[in-house]
Amino acid sequence: MKKPLLWILICGMVGCGFLSAQEDYLKISVTTSPEVIRQGDEGTLKLKIQPRAGLRISSAPEFVIKLSENANLTFSKYFFTASELDFETEQEGEIVYLALEKEITIPFKVNDNSLIGKQQILGEVQFTAVFTDRWSVKTFQKFGTSFRSLRSRNPAPQR
């Protein structure tokens, strides 16, 4: 009889193993434009990042967006800092926060020899979350989106 009571107590404390490995401090909306892209054509990755209520994002240590490498796509680079993205800042006391209202656009190209079909773009945002009581945590949050690729209209000649 003691084991079920212990299990209930443990479940109440830790959620029976259903705990999220990572807290979602940000709402990250990710899209591609257009939604269908041919081999050799370009597209745009669009990110909109919003901190959850009662949370601000510190400008230091550095805020970074990292993209996972993908053999089917070419980006000019695979990481972007807040200063490169020209985020406005706000200061409250000694702490400088990022104003994340602006949409981030990152161009990319679908490689000429890329696979046809569903393509994924994955990445993560590394940031320092600051709570209303000035407590902070340096963490990251993953994001992803997908689009469809089609064969090029002018396929490369076979050799």
N, C-alpha and C. Protein backbone atom coordinates (compact mmCIF):
# COMPACT_ATOMS: atom_id res chain seq x y z
N MET A 1 0.81 -1.20 0.00
CA MET A 1 0.00 0.00 0.00
C MET A 1 0.86 1.26 0.00
N LYS A 2 2.09 1.16 0.48
CA LYS A 2 2.95 2.33 0.53
C LYS A 2 3.42 2.74 -0.86
N LYS A 3 3.62 1.79 -1.79
CA LYS A 3 4.14 2.12 -3.12
C LYS A 3 3.18 3.03 -3.90
N PRO A 4 1.87 2.78 -3.98
CA PRO A 4 1.00 3.71 -4.70
C PRO A 4 1.00 5.11 -4.09
N LEU A 5 1.05 5.20 -2.77
CA LEU A 5 1.08 6.50 -2.12
C LEU A 5 2.37 7.25 -2.47
N LEU A 6 3.49 6.53 -2.48
CA LEU A 6 4.77 7.13 -2.85
C LEU A 6 4.72 7.59 -4.30
N TRP A 7 4.15 6.78 -5.20
CA TRP A 7 4.03 7.14 -6.63
C TRP A 7 3.18 8.40 -6.80
N ILE A 8 2.09 8.50 -6.08
CA ILE A 8 1.24 9.70 -6.16
C ILE A 8 2.01 10.92 -5.66
N LEU A 9 2.75 10.76 -4.59
CA LEU A 9 3.55 11.86 -4.05
C LEU A 9 4.61 12.31 -5.06
N ILE A 10 5.30 11.35 -5.67
CA ILE A 10 6.34 11.68 -6.66
C ILE A 10 5.71 12.34 -7.88
N CYS A 11 4.57 11.80 -8.36
CA CYS A 11 3.90 12.39 -9.52
C CYS A 11 3.48 13.82 -9.25
N GLY A 12 3.03 14.08 -8.06
CA GLY A 12 2.63 15.44 -7.71
C GLY A 12 3.80 16.40 -7.72
N MET A 13 4.98 15.90 -7.37
CA MET A 13 6.16 16.76 -7.31
C MET A 13 6.82 16.96 -8.67
N VAL A 14 6.90 15.92 -9.50
CA VAL A 14 7.65 16.02 -10.75
C VAL A 14 6.80 15.79 -11.99
N GLY A 15 5.52 15.56 -11.87
CA GLY A 15 4.68 15.41 -13.04
C GLY A 15 4.77 14.06 -13.71
N CYS A 16 5.19 13.01 -13.03
CA CYS A 16 5.25 11.64 -13.57
C CYS A 16 6.05 11.55 -14.86
N GLY A 17 7.11 12.30 -14.97
CA GLY A 17 7.96 12.18 -16.15
C GLY A 17 7.49 12.98 -17.34
N PHE A 18 6.44 13.76 -17.20
CA PHE A 18 5.94 14.54 -18.31
C PHE A 18 6.49 15.97 -18.30
N LEU A 19 7.53 16.19 -17.53
CA LEU A 19 8.13 17.52 -17.48
C LEU A 19 8.78 17.85 -18.82
N SER A 20 8.61 19.06 -19.22
CA SER A 20 9.27 19.54 -20.43
C SER A 20 10.76 19.65 -20.14
N ALA A 21 11.58 19.22 -21.08
CA ALA A 21 13.02 19.32 -20.89
C ALA A 21 13.47 20.77 -20.98
N GLN A 22 12.70 21.59 -21.65
CA GLN A 22 13.06 22.98 -21.84
C GLN A 22 11.82 23.85 -21.66
N GLU A 23 11.92 24.87 -20.86
CA GLU A 23 10.82 25.81 -20.65
C GLU A 23 10.68 26.70 -21.87
N ASP A 24 9.46 26.95 -22.31
CA ASP A 24 9.23 27.85 -23.43
C ASP A 24 9.06 29.27 -22.92
N TYR A 25 10.14 30.02 -22.93
CA TYR A 25 10.12 31.41 -22.50
C TYR A 25 9.72 32.34 -23.64
N LEU A 26 9.87 31.86 -24.87
CA LEU A 26 9.59 32.67 -26.04
C LEU A 26 8.51 32.03 -26.89
N LYS A 27 7.75 32.87 -27.58
CA LYS A 27 6.86 32.40 -28.64
C LYS A 27 7.61 32.73 -29.93
N ILE A 28 7.99 31.69 -30.67
CA ILE A 28 8.75 31.88 -31.90
C ILE A 28 7.86 31.45 -33.06
N SER A 29 7.45 32.41 -33.88
CA SER A 29 6.66 32.13 -35.08
C SER A 29 7.63 32.09 -36.25
N VAL A 30 7.63 30.98 -37.00
CA VAL A 30 8.58 30.79 -38.09
C VAL A 30 7.84 30.41 -39.36
N THR A 31 8.13 31.11 -40.45
CA THR A 31 7.53 30.79 -41.75
C THR A 31 8.60 30.93 -42.83
N THR A 32 8.30 30.35 -43.99
CA THR A 32 9.13 30.58 -45.16
C THR A 32 8.28 31.24 -46.23
N SER A 33 8.94 32.00 -47.07
CA SER A 33 8.25 32.64 -48.16
C SER A 33 9.10 32.48 -49.40
N PRO A 34 8.59 31.94 -50.47
CA PRO A 34 7.27 31.33 -50.61
C PRO A 34 7.23 29.96 -49.93
N GLU A 35 6.06 29.34 -49.94
CA GLU A 35 5.91 28.02 -49.30
C GLU A 35 6.37 26.89 -50.20
N VAL A 36 6.48 27.16 -51.51
CA VAL A 36 6.99 26.18 -52.48
C VAL A 36 8.12 26.86 -53.25
N ILE A 37 9.32 26.23 -53.26
CA ILE A 37 10.49 26.84 -53.89
C ILE A 37 11.16 25.80 -54.79
N ARG A 38 11.49 26.21 -55.99
CA ARG A 38 12.17 25.34 -56.95
C ARG A 38 13.68 25.27 -56.67
N GLN A 39 14.31 24.18 -57.08
CA GLN A 39 15.76 24.05 -56.99
C GLN A 39 16.40 25.27 -57.67
N GLY A 40 17.41 25.85 -57.04
CA GLY A 40 18.11 26.99 -57.59
C GLY A 40 17.48 28.33 -57.27
N ASP A 41 16.27 28.33 -56.74
CA ASP A 41 15.58 29.58 -56.40
C ASP A 41 15.84 29.97 -54.95
N GLU A 42 15.51 31.23 -54.64
CA GLU A 42 15.71 31.75 -53.29
C GLU A 42 14.40 31.86 -52.54
N GLY A 43 14.53 31.80 -51.23
CA GLY A 43 13.39 31.99 -50.34
C GLY A 43 13.82 32.82 -49.15
N THR A 44 12.88 33.08 -48.27
CA THR A 44 13.16 33.87 -47.08
C THR A 44 12.59 33.16 -45.85
N LEU A 45 13.41 33.04 -44.83
CA LEU A 45 12.98 32.55 -43.53
C LEU A 45 12.57 33.76 -42.72
N LYS A 46 11.38 33.72 -42.11
CA LYS A 46 10.89 34.84 -41.32
C LYS A 46 10.63 34.37 -39.90
N LEU A 47 11.20 35.09 -38.93
CA LEU A 47 11.02 34.77 -37.52
C LEU A 47 10.44 35.97 -36.79
N LYS A 48 9.49 35.70 -35.93
CA LYS A 48 8.93 36.71 -35.03
C LYS A 48 9.07 36.13 -33.63
N ILE A 49 9.79 36.82 -32.76
CA ILE A 49 10.11 36.32 -31.43
C ILE A 49 9.45 37.22 -30.39
N GLN A 50 8.65 36.61 -29.51
CA GLN A 50 7.99 37.37 -28.44
C GLN A 50 8.22 36.68 -27.10
N PRO A 51 8.77 37.40 -26.13
CA PRO A 51 8.91 36.82 -24.79
C PRO A 51 7.53 36.65 -24.15
N ARG A 52 7.39 35.63 -23.32
CA ARG A 52 6.11 35.46 -22.63
C ARG A 52 5.92 36.59 -21.62
N ALA A 53 4.70 36.75 -21.15
CA ALA A 53 4.35 37.84 -20.23
C ALA A 53 5.24 37.81 -18.99
N GLY A 54 5.66 38.99 -18.54
CA GLY A 54 6.48 39.11 -17.34
C GLY A 54 7.94 38.77 -17.55
N LEU A 55 8.38 38.71 -18.79
CA LEU A 55 9.74 38.30 -19.10
C LEU A 55 10.35 39.28 -20.09
N ARG A 56 11.62 39.56 -19.92
CA ARG A 56 12.35 40.40 -20.88
C ARG A 56 13.62 39.66 -21.26
N ILE A 57 14.18 40.02 -22.40
CA ILE A 57 15.38 39.37 -22.89
C ILE A 57 16.55 40.34 -22.78
N SER A 58 17.57 39.94 -22.04
CA SER A 58 18.74 40.78 -21.81
C SER A 58 19.57 40.88 -23.08
N SER A 59 20.21 42.03 -23.26
CA SER A 59 21.09 42.20 -24.42
C SER A 59 22.47 41.60 -24.17
N ALA A 60 22.79 41.29 -22.91
CA ALA A 60 24.07 40.68 -22.58
C ALA A 60 23.87 39.62 -21.51
N PRO A 61 24.40 38.44 -21.61
CA PRO A 61 25.24 37.98 -22.71
C PRO A 61 24.45 37.94 -24.02
N GLU A 62 25.19 37.86 -25.08
CA GLU A 62 24.65 38.04 -26.43
C GLU A 62 23.49 37.11 -26.77
N PHE A 63 22.50 37.68 -27.42
CA PHE A 63 21.36 36.98 -27.99
C PHE A 63 21.81 36.45 -29.35
N VAL A 64 21.61 35.14 -29.63
CA VAL A 64 22.09 34.54 -30.87
C VAL A 64 21.01 33.64 -31.47
N ILE A 65 20.83 33.75 -32.78
CA ILE A 65 19.99 32.82 -33.53
C ILE A 65 20.94 31.92 -34.31
N LYS A 66 20.85 30.60 -34.07
CA LYS A 66 21.70 29.63 -34.78
C LYS A 66 20.82 28.76 -35.65
N LEU A 67 21.23 28.59 -36.91
CA LEU A 67 20.52 27.71 -37.84
C LEU A 67 21.30 26.41 -37.97
N SER A 68 20.57 25.30 -38.05
CA SER A 68 21.22 24.01 -38.27
C SER A 68 21.61 23.91 -39.74
N GLU A 69 22.79 23.38 -39.99
CA GLU A 69 23.24 23.22 -41.38
C GLU A 69 22.35 22.20 -42.08
N ASN A 70 22.11 22.44 -43.37
CA ASN A 70 21.25 21.59 -44.19
C ASN A 70 21.90 21.49 -45.56
N ALA A 71 22.23 20.30 -46.01
CA ALA A 71 22.92 20.10 -47.28
C ALA A 71 22.10 20.56 -48.48
N ASN A 72 20.79 20.70 -48.32
CA ASN A 72 19.92 21.09 -49.43
C ASN A 72 19.75 22.61 -49.55
N LEU A 73 20.21 23.35 -48.55
CA LEU A 73 20.00 24.80 -48.52
C LEU A 73 21.32 25.53 -48.30
N THR A 74 21.38 26.77 -48.79
CA THR A 74 22.55 27.61 -48.56
C THR A 74 22.09 28.91 -47.92
N PHE A 75 22.69 29.22 -46.76
CA PHE A 75 22.48 30.49 -46.07
C PHE A 75 23.79 31.27 -46.17
N SER A 76 23.72 32.59 -46.09
CA SER A 76 24.95 33.39 -46.12
C SER A 76 25.78 33.10 -44.89
N LYS A 77 25.13 32.78 -43.78
CA LYS A 77 25.79 32.37 -42.55
C LYS A 77 24.77 31.62 -41.69
N TYR A 78 25.25 30.94 -40.65
CA TYR A 78 24.38 30.09 -39.86
C TYR A 78 24.13 30.59 -38.44
N PHE A 79 24.64 31.77 -38.09
CA PHE A 79 24.30 32.35 -36.79
C PHE A 79 24.23 33.87 -36.93
N PHE A 80 23.35 34.45 -36.12
CA PHE A 80 23.10 35.90 -36.19
C PHE A 80 22.98 36.42 -34.76
N THR A 81 23.65 37.54 -34.46
CA THR A 81 23.58 38.14 -33.13
C THR A 81 22.57 39.29 -33.14
N ALA A 82 22.16 39.72 -31.96
CA ALA A 82 21.21 40.83 -31.84
C ALA A 82 21.77 42.10 -32.46
N SER A 83 23.06 42.34 -32.29
CA SER A 83 23.64 43.56 -32.86
C SER A 83 23.63 43.51 -34.39
N GLU A 84 23.85 42.34 -34.98
CA GLU A 84 23.79 42.20 -36.44
C GLU A 84 22.36 42.41 -36.95
N LEU A 85 21.38 42.03 -36.15
CA LEU A 85 19.98 42.14 -36.54
C LEU A 85 19.39 43.51 -36.21
N ASP A 86 20.20 44.39 -35.66
CA ASP A 86 19.80 45.78 -35.35
C ASP A 86 18.55 45.88 -34.47
N PHE A 87 18.50 45.08 -33.41
CA PHE A 87 17.40 45.19 -32.47
C PHE A 87 17.55 46.47 -31.67
N GLU A 88 16.45 47.15 -31.45
CA GLU A 88 16.43 48.31 -30.56
C GLU A 88 16.62 47.79 -29.13
N THR A 89 17.10 48.66 -28.24
CA THR A 89 17.25 48.28 -26.84
C THR A 89 16.49 49.25 -25.95
N GLU A 90 16.17 48.77 -24.75
CA GLU A 90 15.53 49.58 -23.72
C GLU A 90 16.33 49.37 -22.45
N GLN A 91 16.45 50.41 -21.64
CA GLN A 91 17.21 50.27 -20.40
C GLN A 91 16.32 50.54 -19.21
N GLU A 92 16.46 49.69 -18.21
CA GLU A 92 15.75 49.86 -16.94
C GLU A 92 16.78 49.63 -15.85
N GLY A 93 17.15 50.70 -15.16
CA GLY A 93 18.23 50.59 -14.17
C GLY A 93 19.53 50.26 -14.87
N GLU A 94 20.20 49.21 -14.39
CA GLU A 94 21.47 48.80 -14.98
C GLU A 94 21.32 47.78 -16.10
N ILE A 95 20.11 47.27 -16.30
CA ILE A 95 19.91 46.18 -17.26
C ILE A 95 19.39 46.73 -18.59
N VAL A 96 20.03 46.28 -19.68
CA VAL A 96 19.62 46.66 -21.02
C VAL A 96 18.89 45.47 -21.64
N TYR A 97 17.67 45.73 -22.13
CA TYR A 97 16.83 44.69 -22.72
C TYR A 97 16.70 44.88 -24.22
N LEU A 98 16.40 43.79 -24.91
CA LEU A 98 16.14 43.87 -26.35
C LEU A 98 14.67 44.12 -26.59
N ALA A 99 14.38 44.98 -27.55
CA ALA A 99 13.00 45.19 -28.01
C ALA A 99 12.85 44.28 -29.23
N LEU A 100 12.09 43.22 -29.08
CA LEU A 100 12.01 42.18 -30.11
C LEU A 100 10.80 42.32 -31.02
N GLU A 101 10.29 43.52 -31.21
CA GLU A 101 9.07 43.70 -32.00
C GLU A 101 9.27 43.42 -33.49
N LYS A 102 10.47 43.61 -33.99
CA LYS A 102 10.68 43.52 -35.44
C LYS A 102 10.77 42.07 -35.92
N GLU A 103 10.28 41.84 -37.13
CA GLU A 103 10.37 40.52 -37.76
C GLU A 103 11.76 40.36 -38.36
N ILE A 104 12.33 39.19 -38.18
CA ILE A 104 13.66 38.90 -38.69
C ILE A 104 13.51 38.16 -40.02
N THR A 105 14.21 38.61 -41.04
CA THR A 105 14.17 37.92 -42.33
C THR A 105 15.58 37.46 -42.68
N ILE A 106 15.68 36.18 -43.04
CA ILE A 106 16.96 35.58 -43.39
C ILE A 106 16.81 34.92 -44.75
N PRO A 107 17.51 35.43 -45.77
CA PRO A 107 17.40 34.82 -47.10
C PRO A 107 18.18 33.50 -47.18
N PHE A 108 17.72 32.61 -48.05
CA PHE A 108 18.41 31.35 -48.30
C PHE A 108 18.16 30.92 -49.74
N LYS A 109 18.93 29.95 -50.19
CA LYS A 109 18.78 29.42 -51.54
C LYS A 109 18.61 27.91 -51.46
N VAL A 110 17.70 27.38 -52.27
CA VAL A 110 17.55 25.93 -52.40
C VAL A 110 18.60 25.51 -53.42
N ASN A 111 19.49 24.61 -53.04
CA ASN A 111 20.58 24.20 -53.91
C ASN A 111 20.06 23.53 -55.18
N ASP A 112 20.83 23.65 -56.26
CA ASP A 112 20.45 23.06 -57.54
C ASP A 112 20.27 21.55 -57.47
N ASN A 113 21.04 20.90 -56.62
CA ASN A 113 20.98 19.44 -56.49
C ASN A 113 20.23 18.98 -55.24
N SER A 114 19.42 19.84 -54.67
CA SER A 114 18.70 19.50 -53.43
C SER A 114 17.65 18.43 -53.69
N LEU A 115 17.29 17.75 -52.63
CA LEU A 115 16.22 16.76 -52.71
C LEU A 115 14.90 17.47 -52.98
N ILE A 116 13.99 16.76 -53.60
CA ILE A 116 12.66 17.28 -53.91
C ILE A 116 11.71 16.86 -52.80
N GLY A 117 10.79 17.74 -52.42
CA GLY A 117 9.79 17.41 -51.40
C GLY A 117 9.92 18.30 -50.19
N LYS A 118 9.49 17.77 -49.06
CA LYS A 118 9.48 18.54 -47.82
C LYS A 118 10.90 18.82 -47.34
N GLN A 119 11.18 20.09 -47.09
CA GLN A 119 12.48 20.53 -46.57
C GLN A 119 12.24 21.16 -45.20
N GLN A 120 13.15 20.93 -44.27
CA GLN A 120 13.03 21.53 -42.94
C GLN A 120 14.14 22.52 -42.69
N ILE A 121 13.79 23.59 -42.01
CA ILE A 121 14.77 24.55 -41.52
C ILE A 121 14.63 24.52 -40.00
N LEU A 122 15.73 24.16 -39.33
CA LEU A 122 15.74 24.04 -37.87
C LEU A 122 16.78 24.98 -37.30
N GLY A 123 16.57 25.38 -36.06
CA GLY A 123 17.53 26.25 -35.39
C GLY A 123 17.18 26.43 -33.94
N GLU A 124 17.90 27.33 -33.31
CA GLU A 124 17.63 27.65 -31.91
C GLU A 124 18.00 29.10 -31.64
N VAL A 125 17.34 29.64 -30.63
CA VAL A 125 17.64 30.99 -30.14
C VAL A 125 18.30 30.83 -28.78
N GLN A 126 19.49 31.41 -28.61
CA GLN A 126 20.18 31.41 -27.32
C GLN A 126 20.01 32.80 -26.72
N PHE A 127 19.60 32.86 -25.45
CA PHE A 127 19.26 34.15 -24.86
C PHE A 127 19.33 34.08 -23.34
N THR A 128 19.27 35.25 -22.70
CA THR A 128 19.17 35.34 -21.25
C THR A 128 17.82 35.95 -20.92
N ALA A 129 16.99 35.17 -20.24
CA ALA A 129 15.65 35.60 -19.84
C ALA A 129 15.76 36.28 -18.47
N VAL A 130 15.13 37.45 -18.35
CA VAL A 130 15.14 38.19 -17.08
C VAL A 130 13.69 38.32 -16.61
N PHE A 131 13.43 37.86 -15.40
CA PHE A 131 12.09 37.88 -14.82
C PHE A 131 11.85 39.19 -14.07
N THR A 132 10.61 39.44 -13.70
CA THR A 132 10.25 40.71 -13.05
C THR A 132 11.00 40.93 -11.74
N ASP A 133 11.38 39.87 -11.05
CA ASP A 133 12.13 40.01 -9.79
C ASP A 133 13.64 40.10 -10.00
N ARG A 134 14.06 40.32 -11.28
CA ARG A 134 15.47 40.48 -11.69
C ARG A 134 16.25 39.17 -11.70
N TRP A 135 15.59 38.06 -11.42
CA TRP A 135 16.23 36.75 -11.53
C TRP A 135 16.40 36.46 -13.01
N SER A 136 17.51 35.82 -13.42
CA SER A 136 17.72 35.56 -14.84
C SER A 136 18.25 34.15 -15.06
N VAL A 137 18.09 33.68 -16.29
CA VAL A 137 18.59 32.36 -16.67
C VAL A 137 19.05 32.43 -18.12
N LYS A 138 20.23 31.90 -18.39
CA LYS A 138 20.72 31.81 -19.77
C LYS A 138 20.27 30.45 -20.29
N THR A 139 19.58 30.46 -21.44
CA THR A 139 18.98 29.23 -21.95
C THR A 139 18.88 29.31 -23.47
N PHE A 140 18.18 28.36 -24.04
CA PHE A 140 17.95 28.34 -25.48
C PHE A 140 16.57 27.78 -25.75
N GLN A 141 16.08 28.02 -26.94
CA GLN A 141 14.78 27.46 -27.35
C GLN A 141 14.88 27.12 -28.83
N LYS A 142 14.47 25.92 -29.17
CA LYS A 142 14.54 25.44 -30.56
C LYS A 142 13.32 25.92 -31.35
N PHE A 143 13.50 25.99 -32.67
CA PHE A 143 12.40 26.34 -33.57
C PHE A 143 12.58 25.58 -34.87
N GLY A 144 11.55 25.55 -35.66
CA GLY A 144 11.63 24.89 -36.96
C GLY A 144 10.43 25.21 -37.82
N THR A 145 10.60 25.03 -39.11
CA THR A 145 9.52 25.20 -40.07
C THR A 145 9.86 24.34 -41.28
N SER A 146 8.93 24.25 -42.19
CA SER A 146 9.19 23.46 -43.40
C SER A 146 8.56 24.14 -44.61
N PHE A 147 9.02 23.74 -45.77
CA PHE A 147 8.46 24.18 -47.04
C PHE A 147 8.63 23.03 -48.02
N ARG A 148 8.10 23.18 -49.21
CA ARG A 148 8.19 22.15 -50.22
C ARG A 148 9.09 22.63 -51.34
N SER A 149 9.99 21.76 -51.80
CA SER A 149 10.84 22.11 -52.93
C SER A 149 10.41 21.30 -54.15
N LEU A 150 10.55 21.93 -55.31
CA LEU A 150 10.20 21.30 -56.59
C LEU A 150 11.44 21.24 -57.48
N ARG A 151 11.37 20.36 -58.45
CA ARG A 151 12.45 20.25 -59.43
C ARG A 151 12.56 21.56 -60.21
N SER A 152 13.78 21.92 -60.57
CA SER A 152 14.03 23.12 -61.35
C SER A 152 13.33 23.02 -62.70
N ARG A 153 12.90 24.16 -63.23
CA ARG A 153 12.27 24.18 -64.56
C ARG A 153 13.28 23.88 -65.64
N ASN A 154 14.54 24.23 -65.39
CA ASN A 154 15.61 23.99 -66.35
C ASN A 154 16.63 23.05 -65.72
N PRO A 155 16.36 21.75 -65.73
CA PRO A 155 17.30 20.82 -65.08
C PRO A 155 18.68 20.87 -65.73
N ALA A 156 19.67 20.64 -64.92
CA ALA A 156 21.06 20.64 -65.42
C ALA A 156 21.22 19.48 -66.40
N PRO A 157 21.99 19.67 -67.45
CA PRO A 157 22.19 18.59 -68.42
C PRO A 157 22.90 17.40 -67.79
N GLN A 158 22.48 16.21 -68.18
CA GLN A 158 23.09 14.97 -67.67
C GLN A 158 24.45 14.78 -68.33
N ARG A 159 25.43 14.37 -67.57
CA ARG A 159 26.79 14.15 -68.11
C ARG A 159 27.08 12.70 -68.25
